[in-house]
Amino acid sequence: MGNHLRGRAPKKTGGFCWGRTIIDGVVVYRLFRRDQRGVTHYFTRVYTPEELARDRCIRARIAHEVHQARRLLRDQVDTVDLALMGVVE
């Protein structure tokens, strides 16, 4: 199994991390990011074999959805971090 298919644990340094696993044809993307407290925030998206077979442009759609999810996750964690610093409530 290639490195790109192995599961990854979230980084302990607070950086962004992602993992993709394939189980019985189901593709699961998991995105992780830690806030200043070390709490892990995550997003998960599952693609079924039926969904993968039905969509001819699935790679482009997955890339777009993962990119959007990464931005939303970043914004979510940044909001938490700013609140912890007392900049916003």
PDB file of N, CA and C in Angstrom:
ATOM      1  N   MET A   1       0.851  -1.172   0.000  1.00  0.00           N
ATOM      2  CA  MET A   1       0.000   0.000   0.000  1.00  0.00           C
ATOM      3  C   MET A   1       0.896   1.234   0.000  1.00  0.00           C
ATOM      4  N   GLY A   2       0.606   2.207  -0.855  1.00  0.00           N
ATOM      5  CA  GLY A   2       1.425   3.413  -0.950  1.00  0.00           C
ATOM      6  C   GLY A   2       1.259   4.321   0.256  1.00  0.00           C
ATOM      7  N   ASN A   3       2.241   5.187   0.445  1.00  0.00           N
ATOM      8  CA  ASN A   3       2.194   6.119   1.563  1.00  0.00           C
ATOM      9  C   ASN A   3       0.963   7.012   1.530  1.00  0.00           C
ATOM     10  N   HIS A   4       0.495   7.366   0.335  1.00  0.00           N
ATOM     11  CA  HIS A   4      -0.650   8.257   0.222  1.00  0.00           C
ATOM     12  C   HIS A   4      -1.966   7.603   0.638  1.00  0.00           C
ATOM     13  N   LEU A   5      -1.981   6.303   0.854  1.00  0.00           N
ATOM     14  CA  LEU A   5      -3.204   5.618   1.266  1.00  0.00           C
ATOM     15  C   LEU A   5      -3.203   5.241   2.741  1.00  0.00           C
ATOM     16  N   ARG A   6      -2.095   5.450   3.419  1.00  0.00           N
ATOM     17  CA  ARG A   6      -2.032   5.120   4.842  1.00  0.00           C
ATOM     18  C   ARG A   6      -2.690   6.208   5.665  1.00  0.00           C
ATOM     19  N   GLY A   7      -3.266   5.812   6.797  1.00  0.00           N
ATOM     20  CA  GLY A   7      -3.841   6.786   7.703  1.00  0.00           C
ATOM     21  C   GLY A   7      -2.751   7.614   8.368  1.00  0.00           C
ATOM     22  N   ARG A   8      -3.070   8.846   8.715  1.00  0.00           N
ATOM     23  CA  ARG A   8      -2.117   9.721   9.381  1.00  0.00           C
ATOM     24  C   ARG A   8      -2.739  10.245  10.658  1.00  0.00           C
ATOM     25  N   ALA A   9      -1.939  10.362  11.680  1.00  0.00           N
ATOM     26  CA  ALA A   9      -2.409  10.976  12.919  1.00  0.00           C
ATOM     27  C   ALA A   9      -2.277  12.486  12.790  1.00  0.00           C
ATOM     28  N   PRO A  10      -3.131  13.253  13.487  1.00  0.00           N
ATOM     29  CA  PRO A  10      -3.001  14.707  13.449  1.00  0.00           C
ATOM     30  C   PRO A  10      -1.657  15.137  14.018  1.00  0.00           C
ATOM     31  N   LYS A  11      -1.081  16.185  13.423  1.00  0.00           N
ATOM     32  CA  LYS A  11       0.196  16.706  13.899  1.00  0.00           C
ATOM     33  C   LYS A  11       0.035  17.253  15.311  1.00  0.00           C
ATOM     34  N   LYS A  12       1.063  17.124  16.099  1.00  0.00           N
ATOM     35  CA  LYS A  12       1.035  17.632  17.467  1.00  0.00           C
ATOM     36  C   LYS A  12       1.463  19.094  17.531  1.00  0.00           C
ATOM     37  N   THR A  13       1.963  19.630  16.423  1.00  0.00           N
ATOM     38  CA  THR A  13       2.486  20.990  16.403  1.00  0.00           C
ATOM     39  C   THR A  13       1.434  22.037  16.077  1.00  0.00           C
ATOM     40  N   GLY A  14       0.224  21.642  15.775  1.00  0.00           N
ATOM     41  CA  GLY A  14      -0.825  22.600  15.452  1.00  0.00           C
ATOM     42  C   GLY A  14      -1.000  22.836  13.977  1.00  0.00           C
ATOM     43  N   GLY A  15      -0.189  22.205  13.147  1.00  0.00           N
ATOM     44  CA  GLY A  15      -0.305  22.377  11.711  1.00  0.00           C
ATOM     45  C   GLY A  15      -1.467  21.597  11.133  1.00  0.00           C
ATOM     46  N   PHE A  16      -1.693  21.829   9.866  1.00  0.00           N
ATOM     47  CA  PHE A  16      -2.744  21.130   9.143  1.00  0.00           C
ATOM     48  C   PHE A  16      -2.268  19.739   8.769  1.00  0.00           C
ATOM     49  N   CYS A  17      -3.174  18.771   8.834  1.00  0.00           N
ATOM     50  CA  CYS A  17      -2.848  17.390   8.479  1.00  0.00           C
ATOM     51  C   CYS A  17      -4.082  16.770   7.830  1.00  0.00           C
ATOM     52  N   TRP A  18      -3.851  15.868   6.915  1.00  0.00           N
ATOM     53  CA  TRP A  18      -4.975  15.181   6.299  1.00  0.00           C
ATOM     54  C   TRP A  18      -4.613  13.720   6.068  1.00  0.00           C
ATOM     55  N   GLY A  19      -5.646  12.937   5.885  1.00  0.00           N
ATOM     56  CA  GLY A  19      -5.448  11.533   5.589  1.00  0.00           C
ATOM     57  C   GLY A  19      -6.548  11.034   4.671  1.00  0.00           C
ATOM     58  N   ARG A  20      -6.217  10.043   3.867  1.00  0.00           N
ATOM     59  CA  ARG A  20      -7.198   9.425   2.977  1.00  0.00           C
ATOM     60  C   ARG A  20      -7.063   7.932   3.145  1.00  0.00           C
ATOM     61  N   THR A  21      -8.187   7.269   3.379  1.00  0.00           N
ATOM     62  CA  THR A  21      -8.183   5.815   3.492  1.00  0.00           C
ATOM     63  C   THR A  21      -9.233   5.258   2.543  1.00  0.00           C
ATOM     64  N   ILE A  22      -8.990   4.052   2.076  1.00  0.00           N
ATOM     65  CA  ILE A  22      -9.934   3.361   1.198  1.00  0.00           C
ATOM     66  C   ILE A  22     -10.253   2.021   1.841  1.00  0.00           C
ATOM     67  N   ILE A  23     -11.527   1.823   2.142  1.00  0.00           N
ATOM     68  CA  ILE A  23     -11.982   0.590   2.771  1.00  0.00           C
ATOM     69  C   ILE A  23     -13.154   0.059   1.967  1.00  0.00           C
ATOM     70  N   ASP A  24     -12.974  -1.102   1.358  1.00  0.00           N
ATOM     71  CA  ASP A  24     -14.017  -1.737   0.533  1.00  0.00           C
ATOM     72  C   ASP A  24     -14.575  -0.781  -0.512  1.00  0.00           C
ATOM     73  N   GLY A  25     -13.714   0.006  -1.138  1.00  0.00           N
ATOM     74  CA  GLY A  25     -14.136   0.916  -2.197  1.00  0.00           C
ATOM     75  C   GLY A  25     -14.643   2.260  -1.715  1.00  0.00           C
ATOM     76  N   VAL A  26     -14.817   2.411  -0.412  1.00  0.00           N
ATOM     77  CA  VAL A  26     -15.257   3.688   0.160  1.00  0.00           C
ATOM     78  C   VAL A  26     -14.014   4.518   0.457  1.00  0.00           C
ATOM     79  N   VAL A  27     -14.004   5.751  -0.061  1.00  0.00           N
ATOM     80  CA  VAL A  27     -12.864   6.647   0.137  1.00  0.00           C
ATOM     81  C   VAL A  27     -13.232   7.654   1.221  1.00  0.00           C
ATOM     82  N   VAL A  28     -12.394   7.748   2.251  1.00  0.00           N
ATOM     83  CA  VAL A  28     -12.653   8.653   3.377  1.00  0.00           C
ATOM     84  C   VAL A  28     -11.506   9.658   3.464  1.00  0.00           C
ATOM     85  N   TYR A  29     -11.845  10.932   3.368  1.00  0.00           N
ATOM     86  CA  TYR A  29     -10.880  12.010   3.571  1.00  0.00           C
ATOM     87  C   TYR A  29     -11.102  12.585   4.956  1.00  0.00           C
ATOM     88  N   ARG A  30     -10.001  12.761   5.698  1.00  0.00           N
ATOM     89  CA  ARG A  30     -10.072  13.359   7.035  1.00  0.00           C
ATOM     90  C   ARG A  30      -9.064  14.499   7.101  1.00  0.00           C
ATOM     91  N   LEU A  31      -9.532  15.665   7.502  1.00  0.00           N
ATOM     92  CA  LEU A  31      -8.679  16.832   7.634  1.00  0.00           C
ATOM     93  C   LEU A  31      -8.641  17.215   9.105  1.00  0.00           C
ATOM     94  N   PHE A  32      -7.447  17.543   9.608  1.00  0.00           N
ATOM     95  CA  PHE A  32      -7.269  17.861  11.019  1.00  0.00           C
ATOM     96  C   PHE A  32      -6.474  19.145  11.180  1.00  0.00           C
ATOM     97  N   ARG A  33      -6.777  19.864  12.243  1.00  0.00           N
ATOM     98  CA  ARG A  33      -5.949  21.005  12.651  1.00  0.00           C
ATOM     99  C   ARG A  33      -6.154  21.227  14.142  1.00  0.00           C
ATOM    100  N   ARG A  34      -5.076  21.541  14.841  1.00  0.00           N
ATOM    101  CA  ARG A  34      -5.159  21.780  16.282  1.00  0.00           C
ATOM    102  C   ARG A  34      -5.200  23.269  16.569  1.00  0.00           C
ATOM    103  N   ASP A  35      -5.946  23.628  17.626  1.00  0.00           N
ATOM    104  CA  ASP A  35      -5.934  25.019  18.070  1.00  0.00           C
ATOM    105  C   ASP A  35      -4.816  25.217  19.085  1.00  0.00           C
ATOM    106  N   GLN A  36      -4.720  26.412  19.660  1.00  0.00           N
ATOM    107  CA  GLN A  36      -3.628  26.722  20.588  1.00  0.00           C
ATOM    108  C   GLN A  36      -3.638  25.853  21.840  1.00  0.00           C
ATOM    109  N   ARG A  37      -4.808  25.358  22.217  1.00  0.00           N
ATOM    110  CA  ARG A  37      -4.898  24.491  23.395  1.00  0.00           C
ATOM    111  C   ARG A  37      -4.463  23.074  23.092  1.00  0.00           C
ATOM    112  N   GLY A  38      -4.338  22.754  21.810  1.00  0.00           N
ATOM    113  CA  GLY A  38      -3.993  21.390  21.408  1.00  0.00           C
ATOM    114  C   GLY A  38      -5.213  20.551  21.083  1.00  0.00           C
ATOM    115  N   VAL A  39      -6.398  21.160  21.123  1.00  0.00           N
ATOM    116  CA  VAL A  39      -7.635  20.449  20.794  1.00  0.00           C
ATOM    117  C   VAL A  39      -7.698  20.246  19.276  1.00  0.00           C
ATOM    118  N   THR A  40      -8.008  19.033  18.864  1.00  0.00           N
ATOM    119  CA  THR A  40      -8.079  18.702  17.446  1.00  0.00           C
ATOM    120  C   THR A  40      -9.456  19.031  16.893  1.00  0.00           C
ATOM    121  N   HIS A  41      -9.475  19.762  15.795  1.00  0.00           N
ATOM    122  CA  HIS A  41     -10.698  20.043  15.041  1.00  0.00           C
ATOM    123  C   HIS A  41     -10.573  19.260  13.744  1.00  0.00           C
ATOM    124  N   TYR A  42     -11.682  18.720  13.255  1.00  0.00           N
ATOM    125  CA  TYR A  42     -11.572  17.880  12.075  1.00  0.00           C
ATOM    126  C   TYR A  42     -12.782  18.004  11.168  1.00  0.00           C
ATOM    127  N   PHE A  43     -12.593  17.547   9.937  1.00  0.00           N
ATOM    128  CA  PHE A  43     -13.636  17.464   8.924  1.00  0.00           C
ATOM    129  C   PHE A  43     -13.476  16.113   8.254  1.00  0.00           C
ATOM    130  N   THR A  44     -14.579  15.438   8.032  1.00  0.00           N
ATOM    131  CA  THR A  44     -14.547  14.135   7.367  1.00  0.00           C
ATOM    132  C   THR A  44     -15.503  14.155   6.189  1.00  0.00           C
ATOM    133  N   ARG A  45     -15.073  13.586   5.071  1.00  0.00           N
ATOM    134  CA  ARG A  45     -15.937  13.457   3.897  1.00  0.00           C
ATOM    135  C   ARG A  45     -15.775  12.047   3.363  1.00  0.00           C
ATOM    136  N   VAL A  46     -16.896  11.381   3.113  1.00  0.00           N
ATOM    137  CA  VAL A  46     -16.911   9.994   2.645  1.00  0.00           C
ATOM    138  C   VAL A  46     -17.472   9.955   1.225  1.00  0.00           C
ATOM    139  N   TYR A  47     -16.793   9.231   0.350  1.00  0.00           N
ATOM    140  CA  TYR A  47     -17.252   9.024  -1.032  1.00  0.00           C
ATOM    141  C   TYR A  47     -17.521   7.538  -1.224  1.00  0.00           C
ATOM    142  N   THR A  48     -18.750   7.189  -1.548  1.00  0.00           N
ATOM    143  CA  THR A  48     -19.142   5.797  -1.745  1.00  0.00           C
ATOM    144  C   THR A  48     -18.760   5.328  -3.154  1.00  0.00           C
ATOM    145  N   PRO A  49     -18.663   4.020  -3.363  1.00  0.00           N
ATOM    146  CA  PRO A  49     -18.351   3.517  -4.708  1.00  0.00           C
ATOM    147  C   PRO A  49     -19.388   3.960  -5.748  1.00  0.00           C
ATOM    148  N   GLU A  50     -20.657   4.024  -5.343  1.00  0.00           N
ATOM    149  CA  GLU A  50     -21.698   4.458  -6.267  1.00  0.00           C
ATOM    150  C   GLU A  50     -21.482   5.909  -6.688  1.00  0.00           C
ATOM    151  N   GLU A  51     -21.145   6.737  -5.720  1.00  0.00           N
ATOM    152  CA  GLU A  51     -20.897   8.146  -5.988  1.00  0.00           C
ATOM    153  C   GLU A  51     -19.663   8.315  -6.885  1.00  0.00           C
ATOM    154  N   LEU A  52     -18.625   7.524  -6.632  1.00  0.00           N
ATOM    155  CA  LEU A  52     -17.409   7.596  -7.431  1.00  0.00           C
ATOM    156  C   LEU A  52     -17.661   7.149  -8.868  1.00  0.00           C
ATOM    157  N   ALA A  53     -18.502   6.125  -9.062  1.00  0.00           N
ATOM    158  CA  ALA A  53     -18.786   5.606 -10.396  1.00  0.00           C
ATOM    159  C   ALA A  53     -19.723   6.527 -11.181  1.00  0.00           C
ATOM    160  N   ARG A  54     -20.597   7.225 -10.481  1.00  0.00           N
ATOM    161  CA  ARG A  54     -21.618   8.056 -11.118  1.00  0.00           C
ATOM    162  C   ARG A  54     -21.043   9.358 -11.676  1.00  0.00           C
ATOM    163  N   ASP A  55     -20.046   9.927 -11.019  1.00  0.00           N
ATOM    164  CA  ASP A  55     -19.542  11.254 -11.356  1.00  0.00           C
ATOM    165  C   ASP A  55     -18.296  11.148 -12.227  1.00  0.00           C
ATOM    166  N   ARG A  56     -18.364  11.626 -13.452  1.00  0.00           N
ATOM    167  CA  ARG A  56     -17.226  11.559 -14.372  1.00  0.00           C
ATOM    168  C   ARG A  56     -16.109  12.512 -13.969  1.00  0.00           C
ATOM    169  N   CYS A  57     -16.431  13.573 -13.280  1.00  0.00           N
ATOM    170  CA  CYS A  57     -15.445  14.586 -12.873  1.00  0.00           C
ATOM    171  C   CYS A  57     -15.168  14.499 -11.381  1.00  0.00           C
ATOM    172  N   ILE A  58     -15.134  13.286 -10.842  1.00  0.00           N
ATOM    173  CA  ILE A  58     -15.044  13.101  -9.398  1.00  0.00           C
ATOM    174  C   ILE A  58     -13.742  13.650  -8.824  1.00  0.00           C
ATOM    175  N   ARG A  59     -12.627  13.512  -9.519  1.00  0.00           N
ATOM    176  CA  ARG A  59     -11.363  14.010  -8.977  1.00  0.00           C
ATOM    177  C   ARG A  59     -11.390  15.521  -8.796  1.00  0.00           C
ATOM    178  N   ALA A  60     -11.927  16.214  -9.775  1.00  0.00           N
ATOM    179  CA  ALA A  60     -12.027  17.677  -9.682  1.00  0.00           C
ATOM    180  C   ALA A  60     -12.970  18.075  -8.555  1.00  0.00           C
ATOM    181  N   ARG A  61     -14.079  17.344  -8.400  1.00  0.00           N
ATOM    182  CA  ARG A  61     -15.037  17.664  -7.340  1.00  0.00           C
ATOM    183  C   ARG A  61     -14.440  17.380  -5.965  1.00  0.00           C
ATOM    184  N   ILE A  62     -13.739  16.269  -5.827  1.00  0.00           N
ATOM    185  CA  ILE A  62     -13.098  15.946  -4.547  1.00  0.00           C
ATOM    186  C   ILE A  62     -12.073  17.018  -4.202  1.00  0.00           C
ATOM    187  N   ALA A  63     -11.246  17.394  -5.173  1.00  0.00           N
ATOM    188  CA  ALA A  63     -10.233  18.427  -4.921  1.00  0.00           C
ATOM    189  C   ALA A  63     -10.884  19.724  -4.482  1.00  0.00           C
ATOM    190  N   HIS A  64     -11.953  20.103  -5.142  1.00  0.00           N
ATOM    191  CA  HIS A  64     -12.662  21.344  -4.789  1.00  0.00           C
ATOM    192  C   HIS A  64     -13.253  21.254  -3.380  1.00  0.00           C
ATOM    193  N   GLU A  65     -13.911  20.144  -3.059  1.00  0.00           N
ATOM    194  CA  GLU A  65     -14.538  19.987  -1.746  1.00  0.00           C
ATOM    195  C   GLU A  65     -13.493  19.931  -0.623  1.00  0.00           C
ATOM    196  N   VAL A  66     -12.371  19.254  -0.863  1.00  0.00           N
ATOM    197  CA  VAL A  66     -11.321  19.178   0.155  1.00  0.00           C
ATOM    198  C   VAL A  66     -10.681  20.554   0.352  1.00  0.00           C
ATOM    199  N   HIS A  67     -10.490  21.289  -0.728  1.00  0.00           N
ATOM    200  CA  HIS A  67      -9.940  22.643  -0.619  1.00  0.00           C
ATOM    201  C   HIS A  67     -10.873  23.548   0.180  1.00  0.00           C
ATOM    202  N   GLN A  68     -12.161  23.491  -0.110  1.00  0.00           N
ATOM    203  CA  GLN A  68     -13.144  24.281   0.646  1.00  0.00           C
ATOM    204  C   GLN A  68     -13.156  23.876   2.115  1.00  0.00           C
ATOM    205  N   ALA A  69     -13.112  22.587   2.378  1.00  0.00           N
ATOM    206  CA  ALA A  69     -13.130  22.100   3.760  1.00  0.00           C
ATOM    207  C   ALA A  69     -11.892  22.558   4.512  1.00  0.00           C
ATOM    208  N   ARG A  70     -10.761  22.572   3.839  1.00  0.00           N
ATOM    209  CA  ARG A  70      -9.526  23.035   4.491  1.00  0.00           C
ATOM    210  C   ARG A  70      -9.645  24.502   4.881  1.00  0.00           C
ATOM    211  N   ARG A  71     -10.209  25.307   4.002  1.00  0.00           N
ATOM    212  CA  ARG A  71     -10.394  26.728   4.308  1.00  0.00           C
ATOM    213  C   ARG A  71     -11.376  26.926   5.451  1.00  0.00           C
ATOM    214  N   LEU A  72     -12.473  26.172   5.454  1.00  0.00           N
ATOM    215  CA  LEU A  72     -13.450  26.280   6.537  1.00  0.00           C
ATOM    216  C   LEU A  72     -12.844  25.845   7.868  1.00  0.00           C
ATOM    217  N   LEU A  73     -12.063  24.777   7.842  1.00  0.00           N
ATOM    218  CA  LEU A  73     -11.402  24.289   9.047  1.00  0.00           C
ATOM    219  C   LEU A  73     -10.398  25.323   9.560  1.00  0.00           C
ATOM    220  N   ARG A  74      -9.633  25.922   8.649  1.00  0.00           N
ATOM    221  CA  ARG A  74      -8.684  26.972   9.031  1.00  0.00           C
ATOM    222  C   ARG A  74      -9.412  28.138   9.695  1.00  0.00           C
ATOM    223  N   ASP A  75     -10.502  28.588   9.083  1.00  0.00           N
ATOM    224  CA  ASP A  75     -11.264  29.704   9.640  1.00  0.00           C
ATOM    225  C   ASP A  75     -11.845  29.360  11.012  1.00  0.00           C
ATOM    226  N   GLN A  76     -12.332  28.128  11.159  1.00  0.00           N
ATOM    227  CA  GLN A  76     -12.902  27.686  12.432  1.00  0.00           C
ATOM    228  C   GLN A  76     -11.846  27.707  13.534  1.00  0.00           C
ATOM    229  N   VAL A  77     -10.666  27.157  13.246  1.00  0.00           N
ATOM    230  CA  VAL A  77      -9.605  27.100  14.247  1.00  0.00           C
ATOM    231  C   VAL A  77      -9.054  28.501  14.523  1.00  0.00           C
ATOM    232  N   ASP A  78      -8.937  29.334  13.496  1.00  0.00           N
ATOM    233  CA  ASP A  78      -8.475  30.711  13.700  1.00  0.00           C
ATOM    234  C   ASP A  78      -9.428  31.479  14.598  1.00  0.00           C
ATOM    235  N   THR A  79     -10.721  31.270  14.442  1.00  0.00           N
ATOM    236  CA  THR A  79     -11.710  31.927  15.298  1.00  0.00           C
ATOM    237  C   THR A  79     -11.531  31.497  16.749  1.00  0.00           C
ATOM    238  N   VAL A  80     -11.319  30.212  16.972  1.00  0.00           N
ATOM    239  CA  VAL A  80     -11.082  29.700  18.325  1.00  0.00           C
ATOM    240  C   VAL A  80      -9.796  30.302  18.897  1.00  0.00           C
ATOM    241  N   ASP A  81      -8.735  30.330  18.101  1.00  0.00           N
ATOM    242  CA  ASP A  81      -7.456  30.870  18.571  1.00  0.00           C
ATOM    243  C   ASP A  81      -7.558  32.356  18.908  1.00  0.00           C
ATOM    244  N   LEU A  82      -8.258  33.114  18.078  1.00  0.00           N
ATOM    245  CA  LEU A  82      -8.430  34.544  18.361  1.00  0.00           C
ATOM    246  C   LEU A  82      -9.225  34.762  19.652  1.00  0.00           C
ATOM    247  N   ALA A  83     -10.228  33.943  19.864  1.00  0.00           N
ATOM    248  CA  ALA A  83     -11.014  34.038  21.103  1.00  0.00           C
ATOM    249  C   ALA A  83     -10.157  33.703  22.306  1.00  0.00           C
ATOM    250  N   LEU A  84      -9.285  32.710  22.177  1.00  0.00           N
ATOM    251  CA  LEU A  84      -8.386  32.348  23.278  1.00  0.00           C
ATOM    252  C   LEU A  84      -7.401  33.491  23.599  1.00  0.00           C
ATOM    253  N   MET A  85      -7.015  34.251  22.585  1.00  0.00           N
ATOM    254  CA  MET A  85      -6.115  35.372  22.791  1.00  0.00           C
ATOM    255  C   MET A  85      -6.851  36.618  23.281  1.00  0.00           C
ATOM    256  N   GLY A  86      -8.185  36.559  23.288  1.00  0.00           N
ATOM    257  CA  GLY A  86      -8.975  37.690  23.754  1.00  0.00           C
ATOM    258  C   GLY A  86      -9.165  38.772  22.709  1.00  0.00           C
ATOM    259  N   VAL A  87      -8.878  38.463  21.453  1.00  0.00           N
ATOM    260  CA  VAL A  87      -9.015  39.451  20.376  1.00  0.00           C
ATOM    261  C   VAL A  87     -10.478  39.599  19.973  1.00  0.00           C
ATOM    262  N   VAL A  88     -11.218  38.505  19.904  1.00  0.00           N
ATOM    263  CA  VAL A  88     -12.655  38.515  19.587  1.00  0.00           C
ATOM    264  C   VAL A  88     -13.372  37.639  20.591  1.00  0.00           C
ATOM    265  N   GLU A  89     -14.657  37.839  20.654  1.00  0.00           N
ATOM    266  CA  GLU A  89     -15.469  37.019  21.575  1.00  0.00           C
ATOM    267  C   GLU A  89     -16.324  36.062  20.816  1.00  0.00           C
TER     268      GLU A  89
END
